[in-house]
């Protein structure tokens, strides 16, 4: 959105203005096609294509191989991370993350949805020898990460389909969901037992009643830890939310 309070430059550069307007479109649209960019900017499709090609060259956008549309690229993520590292919410949540890590001795990750992807903003690593390492700065398709699935589960079905407009999904691992239909089905029920530990770390707001259902699906030593992790997460999340209010 253009800042109406700022003085319009005396000598505006049209191509730069269009490129910046195009970048701003990614705040509201996870995927932009050449034709859509041309209409929004009021330029020919060929001009929109050249703008997107230049942005792709510098890493600000990346093209989706299946739809041929464009998504935000790694350069935008890097710029966003630089800003995110200094925002108040991160500094506010870090002490709670450290306390939670000390209490359960598991790695605690802070992540947000960035379009169809999951962006890792902060982490406090466990002291255990075998542990999940920090993923700060990493950006992955949200459906490939347990925490990302938890965030997607909070979205309305229409928003989920907007984020993933095609039926096929990129397969990152042999166990990744392959279609949007499979993803919608996975988000509509408790996660499989093998994903429960990571899921519990991600779903700080998960009700304890639902965790009882998860417990029945888990065996071994992890079964003993589910209630402990759930209670610690619920308590810490409540305290952090109260502090932000």
C-alpha atoms as a PDB file:
ATOM      1  CA  UNK A   1       0.000   0.000   0.000  1.00  0.00           C
ATOM      2  CA  UNK A   2       1.335   3.405  -0.925  1.00  0.00           C
ATOM      3  CA  UNK A   3       1.990   5.731   1.969  1.00  0.00           C
ATOM      4  CA  UNK A   4      -0.188   8.746   1.170  1.00  0.00           C
ATOM      5  CA  UNK A   5       1.465  10.818   3.872  1.00  0.00           C
ATOM      6  CA  UNK A   6       4.853  10.618   2.186  1.00  0.00           C
ATOM      7  CA  UNK A   7       5.713  13.204  -0.429  1.00  0.00           C
ATOM      8  CA  UNK A   8       5.719  11.817  -3.959  1.00  0.00           C
ATOM      9  CA  UNK A   9       9.269  11.917  -5.373  1.00  0.00           C
ATOM     10  CA  UNK A  10       9.946  14.836  -7.657  1.00  0.00           C
ATOM     11  CA  UNK A  11      11.531  12.600 -10.268  1.00  0.00           C
ATOM     12  CA  UNK A  12       9.806   9.202  -9.980  1.00  0.00           C
ATOM     13  CA  UNK A  13      11.217   6.213 -11.833  1.00  0.00           C
ATOM     14  CA  UNK A  14       8.333   4.257 -13.286  1.00  0.00           C
ATOM     15  CA  UNK A  15      10.075   0.893 -13.575  1.00  0.00           C
ATOM     16  CA  UNK A  16      11.296   1.028  -9.972  1.00  0.00           C
ATOM     17  CA  UNK A  17       7.851   2.052  -8.780  1.00  0.00           C
ATOM     18  CA  UNK A  18       6.286  -0.899 -10.613  1.00  0.00           C
ATOM     19  CA  UNK A  19       8.853  -3.341  -9.239  1.00  0.00           C
ATOM     20  CA  UNK A  20       8.204  -2.184  -5.667  1.00  0.00           C
ATOM     21  CA  UNK A  21       4.426  -2.279  -6.152  1.00  0.00           C
ATOM     22  CA  UNK A  22       4.831  -5.811  -7.469  1.00  0.00           C
ATOM     23  CA  UNK A  23       6.778  -6.863  -4.381  1.00  0.00           C
ATOM     24  CA  UNK A  24       4.107  -5.374  -2.119  1.00  0.00           C
ATOM     25  CA  UNK A  25       1.504  -7.560  -3.801  1.00  0.00           C
ATOM     26  CA  UNK A  26       3.091 -10.613  -2.165  1.00  0.00           C
ATOM     27  CA  UNK A  27       1.865  -9.419   1.237  1.00  0.00           C
ATOM     28  CA  UNK A  28      -1.667 -10.462   0.275  1.00  0.00           C
ATOM     29  CA  UNK A  29      -1.141 -12.974  -2.520  1.00  0.00           C
ATOM     30  CA  UNK A  30       1.075 -16.044  -2.018  1.00  0.00           C
ATOM     31  CA  UNK A  31       1.117 -16.768  -5.749  1.00  0.00           C
ATOM     32  CA  UNK A  32       1.043 -14.181  -8.548  1.00  0.00           C
ATOM     33  CA  UNK A  33       0.788 -14.963 -12.255  1.00  0.00           C
ATOM     34  CA  UNK A  34       2.197 -12.756 -15.001  1.00  0.00           C
ATOM     35  CA  UNK A  35      -1.272 -11.813 -16.242  1.00  0.00           C
ATOM     36  CA  UNK A  36      -2.376 -10.835 -12.727  1.00  0.00           C
ATOM     37  CA  UNK A  37       0.720  -8.701 -12.251  1.00  0.00           C
ATOM     38  CA  UNK A  38       0.106  -6.933 -15.542  1.00  0.00           C
ATOM     39  CA  UNK A  39      -3.496  -6.097 -14.668  1.00  0.00           C
ATOM     40  CA  UNK A  40      -2.600  -4.879 -11.168  1.00  0.00           C
ATOM     41  CA  UNK A  41       0.202  -2.650 -12.435  1.00  0.00           C
ATOM     42  CA  UNK A  42      -1.624  -1.495 -15.550  1.00  0.00           C
ATOM     43  CA  UNK A  43       1.143  -2.695 -17.863  1.00  0.00           C
ATOM     44  CA  UNK A  44       1.419  -5.211 -20.690  1.00  0.00           C
ATOM     45  CA  UNK A  45       1.998  -8.849 -19.809  1.00  0.00           C
ATOM     46  CA  UNK A  46       5.407  -8.689 -21.464  1.00  0.00           C
ATOM     47  CA  UNK A  47       6.423  -5.816 -19.170  1.00  0.00           C
ATOM     48  CA  UNK A  48       5.146  -7.671 -16.104  1.00  0.00           C
ATOM     49  CA  UNK A  49       7.121 -10.729 -17.194  1.00  0.00           C
ATOM     50  CA  UNK A  50      10.341  -8.717 -17.495  1.00  0.00           C
ATOM     51  CA  UNK A  51       9.809  -7.221 -14.037  1.00  0.00           C
ATOM     52  CA  UNK A  52       9.256 -10.653 -12.501  1.00  0.00           C
ATOM     53  CA  UNK A  53      12.253 -12.088 -14.350  1.00  0.00           C
ATOM     54  CA  UNK A  54      14.510  -9.373 -12.915  1.00  0.00           C
ATOM     55  CA  UNK A  55      13.123  -9.892  -9.412  1.00  0.00           C
ATOM     56  CA  UNK A  56      13.692 -13.627  -9.802  1.00  0.00           C
ATOM     57  CA  UNK A  57      17.284 -13.010 -10.922  1.00  0.00           C
ATOM     58  CA  UNK A  58      17.965 -11.178  -7.650  1.00  0.00           C
ATOM     59  CA  UNK A  59      16.142 -13.765  -5.528  1.00  0.00           C
ATOM     60  CA  UNK A  60      13.136 -11.642  -4.581  1.00  0.00           C
ATOM     61  CA  UNK A  61      10.682 -14.047  -6.224  1.00  0.00           C
ATOM     62  CA  UNK A  62      10.796 -17.631  -7.420  1.00  0.00           C
ATOM     63  CA  UNK A  63       8.707 -19.340 -10.049  1.00  0.00           C
ATOM     64  CA  UNK A  64       6.455 -22.283  -9.242  1.00  0.00           C
ATOM     65  CA  UNK A  65       7.276 -25.021 -11.740  1.00  0.00           C
ATOM     66  CA  UNK A  66       3.748 -26.418 -11.885  1.00  0.00           C
ATOM     67  CA  UNK A  67       1.603 -23.274 -12.029  1.00  0.00           C
ATOM     68  CA  UNK A  68       4.281 -20.996 -13.585  1.00  0.00           C
ATOM     69  CA  UNK A  69       3.188 -18.359 -11.107  1.00  0.00           C
ATOM     70  CA  UNK A  70       5.624 -16.562  -8.795  1.00  0.00           C
ATOM     71  CA  UNK A  71       6.089 -16.758  -5.025  1.00  0.00           C
ATOM     72  CA  UNK A  72       8.187 -14.641  -2.684  1.00  0.00           C
ATOM     73  CA  UNK A  73      11.848 -15.651  -2.854  1.00  0.00           C
ATOM     74  CA  UNK A  74      14.754 -16.126  -0.425  1.00  0.00           C
ATOM     75  CA  UNK A  75      15.946 -12.513  -0.651  1.00  0.00           C
ATOM     76  CA  UNK A  76      12.617 -11.302   0.723  1.00  0.00           C
ATOM     77  CA  UNK A  77      12.867 -13.842   3.524  1.00  0.00           C
ATOM     78  CA  UNK A  78      16.367 -12.675   4.434  1.00  0.00           C
ATOM     79  CA  UNK A  79      15.230  -9.053   4.572  1.00  0.00           C
ATOM     80  CA  UNK A  80      12.240 -10.053   6.662  1.00  0.00           C
ATOM     81  CA  UNK A  81      14.415 -12.004   9.082  1.00  0.00           C
ATOM     82  CA  UNK A  82      16.664  -9.009   9.590  1.00  0.00           C
ATOM     83  CA  UNK A  83      13.641  -6.977  10.636  1.00  0.00           C
ATOM     84  CA  UNK A  84      12.056  -9.783  12.650  1.00  0.00           C
ATOM     85  CA  UNK A  85      15.141 -10.250  14.800  1.00  0.00           C
ATOM     86  CA  UNK A  86      14.636  -6.789  16.244  1.00  0.00           C
ATOM     87  CA  UNK A  87      10.881  -6.759  16.833  1.00  0.00           C
ATOM     88  CA  UNK A  88       9.489  -6.693  20.338  1.00  0.00           C
ATOM     89  CA  UNK A  89       7.483  -9.915  20.102  1.00  0.00           C
ATOM     90  CA  UNK A  90      10.651 -11.955  19.607  1.00  0.00           C
ATOM     91  CA  UNK A  91      12.413 -10.388  22.579  1.00  0.00           C
ATOM     92  CA  UNK A  92       9.247 -10.858  24.612  1.00  0.00           C
ATOM     93  CA  UNK A  93       8.838 -14.551  23.784  1.00  0.00           C
ATOM     94  CA  UNK A  94      12.494 -15.576  24.122  1.00  0.00           C
ATOM     95  CA  UNK A  95      12.466 -15.752  27.957  1.00  0.00           C
ATOM     96  CA  UNK A  96       9.378 -17.988  27.849  1.00  0.00           C
ATOM     97  CA  UNK A  97      11.044 -20.209  25.266  1.00  0.00           C
ATOM     98  CA  UNK A  98      14.159 -20.482  27.437  1.00  0.00           C
ATOM     99  CA  UNK A  99      12.099 -21.363  30.490  1.00  0.00           C
ATOM    100  CA  UNK A 100      10.120 -23.969  28.566  1.00  0.00           C
ATOM    101  CA  UNK A 101      13.341 -25.487  27.233  1.00  0.00           C
ATOM    102  CA  UNK A 102      14.766 -25.689  30.759  1.00  0.00           C
ATOM    103  CA  UNK A 103      11.589 -27.328  32.043  1.00  0.00           C
ATOM    104  CA  UNK A 104      11.107 -30.040  29.410  1.00  0.00           C
ATOM    105  CA  UNK A 105      14.703 -30.262  28.091  1.00  0.00           C
ATOM    106  CA  UNK A 106      13.533 -30.224  24.481  1.00  0.00           C
ATOM    107  CA  UNK A 107      14.392 -27.781  21.686  1.00  0.00           C
ATOM    108  CA  UNK A 108      11.809 -24.995  21.397  1.00  0.00           C
ATOM    109  CA  UNK A 109      11.269 -23.376  17.990  1.00  0.00           C
ATOM    110  CA  UNK A 110       9.342 -20.191  17.179  1.00  0.00           C
ATOM    111  CA  UNK A 111       7.783 -20.206  13.720  1.00  0.00           C
ATOM    112  CA  UNK A 112       5.223 -18.322  11.676  1.00  0.00           C
ATOM    113  CA  UNK A 113       3.397 -18.845   8.415  1.00  0.00           C
ATOM    114  CA  UNK A 114       4.860 -16.906   5.504  1.00  0.00           C
ATOM    115  CA  UNK A 115       2.455 -17.558   2.659  1.00  0.00           C
ATOM    116  CA  UNK A 116       2.407 -21.323   2.066  1.00  0.00           C
ATOM    117  CA  UNK A 117       5.685 -21.784   3.940  1.00  0.00           C
ATOM    118  CA  UNK A 118       6.786 -22.037   7.541  1.00  0.00           C
ATOM    119  CA  UNK A 119       9.489 -19.581   8.600  1.00  0.00           C
ATOM    120  CA  UNK A 120      11.624 -20.314  11.676  1.00  0.00           C
ATOM    121  CA  UNK A 121      12.279 -17.107  13.620  1.00  0.00           C
ATOM    122  CA  UNK A 122      13.946 -18.203  16.850  1.00  0.00           C
ATOM    123  CA  UNK A 123      15.059 -21.329  18.686  1.00  0.00           C
ATOM    124  CA  UNK A 124      16.369 -22.426  22.063  1.00  0.00           C
ATOM    125  CA  UNK A 125      18.200 -25.739  21.789  1.00  0.00           C
ATOM    126  CA  UNK A 126      17.987 -28.562  24.296  1.00  0.00           C
ATOM    127  CA  UNK A 127      21.122 -29.603  26.159  1.00  0.00           C
ATOM    128  CA  UNK A 128      20.599 -33.242  25.253  1.00  0.00           C
ATOM    129  CA  UNK A 129      23.264 -34.877  23.098  1.00  0.00           C
ATOM    130  CA  UNK A 130      20.621 -36.095  20.642  1.00  0.00           C
ATOM    131  CA  UNK A 131      18.332 -33.150  19.980  1.00  0.00           C
ATOM    132  CA  UNK A 132      16.554 -31.139  17.330  1.00  0.00           C
ATOM    133  CA  UNK A 133      18.888 -28.371  16.177  1.00  0.00           C
ATOM    134  CA  UNK A 134      17.983 -24.739  15.573  1.00  0.00           C
ATOM    135  CA  UNK A 135      16.304 -23.990  12.253  1.00  0.00           C
ATOM    136  CA  UNK A 136      16.387 -20.200  12.515  1.00  0.00           C
ATOM    137  CA  UNK A 137      16.236 -18.664   9.061  1.00  0.00           C
ATOM    138  CA  UNK A 138      15.005 -21.842   7.427  1.00  0.00           C
ATOM    139  CA  UNK A 139      11.925 -21.689   5.253  1.00  0.00           C
ATOM    140  CA  UNK A 140      10.051 -24.885   4.412  1.00  0.00           C
ATOM    141  CA  UNK A 141       6.653 -25.754   2.946  1.00  0.00           C
ATOM    142  CA  UNK A 142       4.372 -25.627   5.974  1.00  0.00           C
ATOM    143  CA  UNK A 143       2.849 -29.023   5.238  1.00  0.00           C
ATOM    144  CA  UNK A 144       6.255 -30.705   5.590  1.00  0.00           C
ATOM    145  CA  UNK A 145       6.805 -29.507   9.176  1.00  0.00           C
ATOM    146  CA  UNK A 146       4.775 -30.607  12.179  1.00  0.00           C
ATOM    147  CA  UNK A 147       4.654 -27.072  13.532  1.00  0.00           C
ATOM    148  CA  UNK A 148       3.637 -25.827  10.102  1.00  0.00           C
ATOM    149  CA  UNK A 149       0.758 -28.302  10.013  1.00  0.00           C
ATOM    150  CA  UNK A 150      -0.355 -27.008  13.393  1.00  0.00           C
ATOM    151  CA  UNK A 151      -0.442 -23.463  12.028  1.00  0.00           C
ATOM    152  CA  UNK A 152      -2.273 -24.569   8.882  1.00  0.00           C
ATOM    153  CA  UNK A 153      -4.869 -26.327  11.015  1.00  0.00           C
ATOM    154  CA  UNK A 154      -5.908 -22.916  12.362  1.00  0.00           C
ATOM    155  CA  UNK A 155      -6.830 -21.631   8.888  1.00  0.00           C
ATOM    156  CA  UNK A 156     -10.224 -21.654   7.228  1.00  0.00           C
ATOM    157  CA  UNK A 157     -10.529 -24.164   4.349  1.00  0.00           C
ATOM    158  CA  UNK A 158     -10.838 -21.345   1.816  1.00  0.00           C
ATOM    159  CA  UNK A 159      -7.565 -19.785   2.994  1.00  0.00           C
ATOM    160  CA  UNK A 160      -5.815 -23.160   2.836  1.00  0.00           C
ATOM    161  CA  UNK A 161      -6.883 -23.567  -0.787  1.00  0.00           C
ATOM    162  CA  UNK A 162      -5.685 -20.058  -1.543  1.00  0.00           C
ATOM    163  CA  UNK A 163      -2.240 -20.950  -0.197  1.00  0.00           C
ATOM    164  CA  UNK A 164      -2.176 -24.204  -2.175  1.00  0.00           C
ATOM    165  CA  UNK A 165      -4.158 -23.527  -5.355  1.00  0.00           C
ATOM    166  CA  UNK A 166      -3.106 -26.743  -7.139  1.00  0.00           C
ATOM    167  CA  UNK A 167      -4.047 -30.288  -6.198  1.00  0.00           C
ATOM    168  CA  UNK A 168      -0.460 -31.569  -6.241  1.00  0.00           C
ATOM    169  CA  UNK A 169       2.072 -30.582  -3.578  1.00  0.00           C
ATOM    170  CA  UNK A 170       5.834 -30.577  -3.769  1.00  0.00           C
ATOM    171  CA  UNK A 171       7.215 -33.775  -2.258  1.00  0.00           C
ATOM    172  CA  UNK A 172      10.236 -33.104  -0.019  1.00  0.00           C
ATOM    173  CA  UNK A 173      10.539 -36.494   1.732  1.00  0.00           C
ATOM    174  CA  UNK A 174       9.089 -39.983   1.139  1.00  0.00           C
ATOM    175  CA  UNK A 175       6.581 -39.286   3.937  1.00  0.00           C
ATOM    176  CA  UNK A 176       5.456 -35.854   2.731  1.00  0.00           C
ATOM    177  CA  UNK A 177       1.812 -35.452   1.816  1.00  0.00           C
ATOM    178  CA  UNK A 178       1.496 -35.376  -1.951  1.00  0.00           C
ATOM    179  CA  UNK A 179      -1.879 -33.770  -2.567  1.00  0.00           C
ATOM    180  CA  UNK A 180      -3.984 -30.980  -1.119  1.00  0.00           C
ATOM    181  CA  UNK A 181      -6.766 -33.470  -0.434  1.00  0.00           C
ATOM    182  CA  UNK A 182      -4.411 -35.557   1.689  1.00  0.00           C
ATOM    183  CA  UNK A 183      -3.281 -32.436   3.527  1.00  0.00           C
ATOM    184  CA  UNK A 184      -6.861 -31.381   4.271  1.00  0.00           C
ATOM    185  CA  UNK A 185      -7.574 -34.862   5.609  1.00  0.00           C
ATOM    186  CA  UNK A 186      -4.444 -34.795   7.785  1.00  0.00           C
ATOM    187  CA  UNK A 187      -5.381 -31.433   9.286  1.00  0.00           C
ATOM    188  CA  UNK A 188      -8.867 -32.648  10.111  1.00  0.00           C
ATOM    189  CA  UNK A 189      -7.736 -35.374  12.528  1.00  0.00           C
ATOM    190  CA  UNK A 190      -5.040 -35.958  15.193  1.00  0.00           C
ATOM    191  CA  UNK A 191      -1.572 -36.483  13.731  1.00  0.00           C
ATOM    192  CA  UNK A 192      -0.045 -39.990  13.481  1.00  0.00           C
ATOM    193  CA  UNK A 193       1.801 -41.319  16.495  1.00  0.00           C
ATOM    194  CA  UNK A 194       5.237 -40.840  14.952  1.00  0.00           C
ATOM    195  CA  UNK A 195       4.597 -37.082  14.622  1.00  0.00           C
ATOM    196  CA  UNK A 196       3.175 -36.560  18.098  1.00  0.00           C
ATOM    197  CA  UNK A 197       6.294 -35.246  19.851  1.00  0.00           C
ATOM    198  CA  UNK A 198       6.940 -32.503  17.311  1.00  0.00           C
ATOM    199  CA  UNK A 199       3.235 -31.779  17.071  1.00  0.00           C
ATOM    200  CA  UNK A 200       2.990 -31.249  20.817  1.00  0.00           C
ATOM    201  CA  UNK A 201       5.934 -28.854  20.715  1.00  0.00           C
ATOM    202  CA  UNK A 202       4.209 -26.837  18.017  1.00  0.00           C
ATOM    203  CA  UNK A 203       0.637 -26.767  19.292  1.00  0.00           C
ATOM    204  CA  UNK A 204       0.982 -24.746  22.479  1.00  0.00           C
ATOM    205  CA  UNK A 205      -2.763 -24.094  22.433  1.00  0.00           C
ATOM    206  CA  UNK A 206      -3.720 -27.744  21.960  1.00  0.00           C
ATOM    207  CA  UNK A 207      -6.381 -28.661  24.556  1.00  0.00           C
ATOM    208  CA  UNK A 208      -5.444 -31.358  27.033  1.00  0.00           C
ATOM    209  CA  UNK A 209      -8.571 -33.288  26.053  1.00  0.00           C
ATOM    210  CA  UNK A 210      -7.202 -33.746  22.530  1.00  0.00           C
ATOM    211  CA  UNK A 211      -3.847 -34.796  23.930  1.00  0.00           C
ATOM    212  CA  UNK A 212      -5.545 -37.675  25.706  1.00  0.00           C
ATOM    213  CA  UNK A 213      -6.503 -38.966  22.269  1.00  0.00           C
ATOM    214  CA  UNK A 214      -2.895 -38.576  21.124  1.00  0.00           C
ATOM    215  CA  UNK A 215      -1.600 -40.463  24.163  1.00  0.00           C
ATOM    216  CA  UNK A 216      -3.558 -43.527  23.158  1.00  0.00           C
ATOM    217  CA  UNK A 217      -1.764 -43.498  19.800  1.00  0.00           C
ATOM    218  CA  UNK A 218       1.750 -43.310  21.240  1.00  0.00           C
ATOM    219  CA  UNK A 219       3.824 -46.053  22.767  1.00  0.00           C
ATOM    220  CA  UNK A 220       7.122 -46.395  24.602  1.00  0.00           C
ATOM    221  CA  UNK A 221       8.811 -43.669  26.624  1.00  0.00           C
ATOM    222  CA  UNK A 222       7.192 -40.890  24.582  1.00  0.00           C
ATOM    223  CA  UNK A 223       3.808 -41.910  25.941  1.00  0.00           C
ATOM    224  CA  UNK A 224       4.980 -40.985  29.418  1.00  0.00           C
ATOM    225  CA  UNK A 225       6.077 -37.502  28.312  1.00  0.00           C
ATOM    226  CA  UNK A 226       3.006 -36.363  26.367  1.00  0.00           C
ATOM    227  CA  UNK A 227       1.012 -35.143  29.415  1.00  0.00           C
ATOM    228  CA  UNK A 228       4.107 -33.425  30.823  1.00  0.00           C
ATOM    229  CA  UNK A 229       4.904 -31.618  27.573  1.00  0.00           C
ATOM    230  CA  UNK A 230       1.290 -30.664  27.027  1.00  0.00           C
ATOM    231  CA  UNK A 231       0.880 -29.167  30.480  1.00  0.00           C
ATOM    232  CA  UNK A 232       4.144 -27.229  30.231  1.00  0.00           C
ATOM    233  CA  UNK A 233       3.237 -25.888  26.791  1.00  0.00           C
ATOM    234  CA  UNK A 234      -0.259 -24.880  27.816  1.00  0.00           C
ATOM    235  CA  UNK A 235       0.970 -23.056  30.911  1.00  0.00           C
ATOM    236  CA  UNK A 236       3.857 -21.275  29.172  1.00  0.00           C
ATOM    237  CA  UNK A 237       1.707 -20.255  26.192  1.00  0.00           C
ATOM    238  CA  UNK A 238      -0.893 -18.784  28.508  1.00  0.00           C
ATOM    239  CA  UNK A 239       1.724 -16.770  30.392  1.00  0.00           C
ATOM    240  CA  UNK A 240       3.283 -15.509  27.166  1.00  0.00           C
ATOM    241  CA  UNK A 241      -0.104 -14.495  25.738  1.00  0.00           C
ATOM    242  CA  UNK A 242      -0.978 -12.662  28.944  1.00  0.00           C
ATOM    243  CA  UNK A 243       2.306 -10.796  28.783  1.00  0.00           C
ATOM    244  CA  UNK A 244       1.629  -9.677  25.212  1.00  0.00           C
ATOM    245  CA  UNK A 245      -1.889  -8.463  26.009  1.00  0.00           C
END
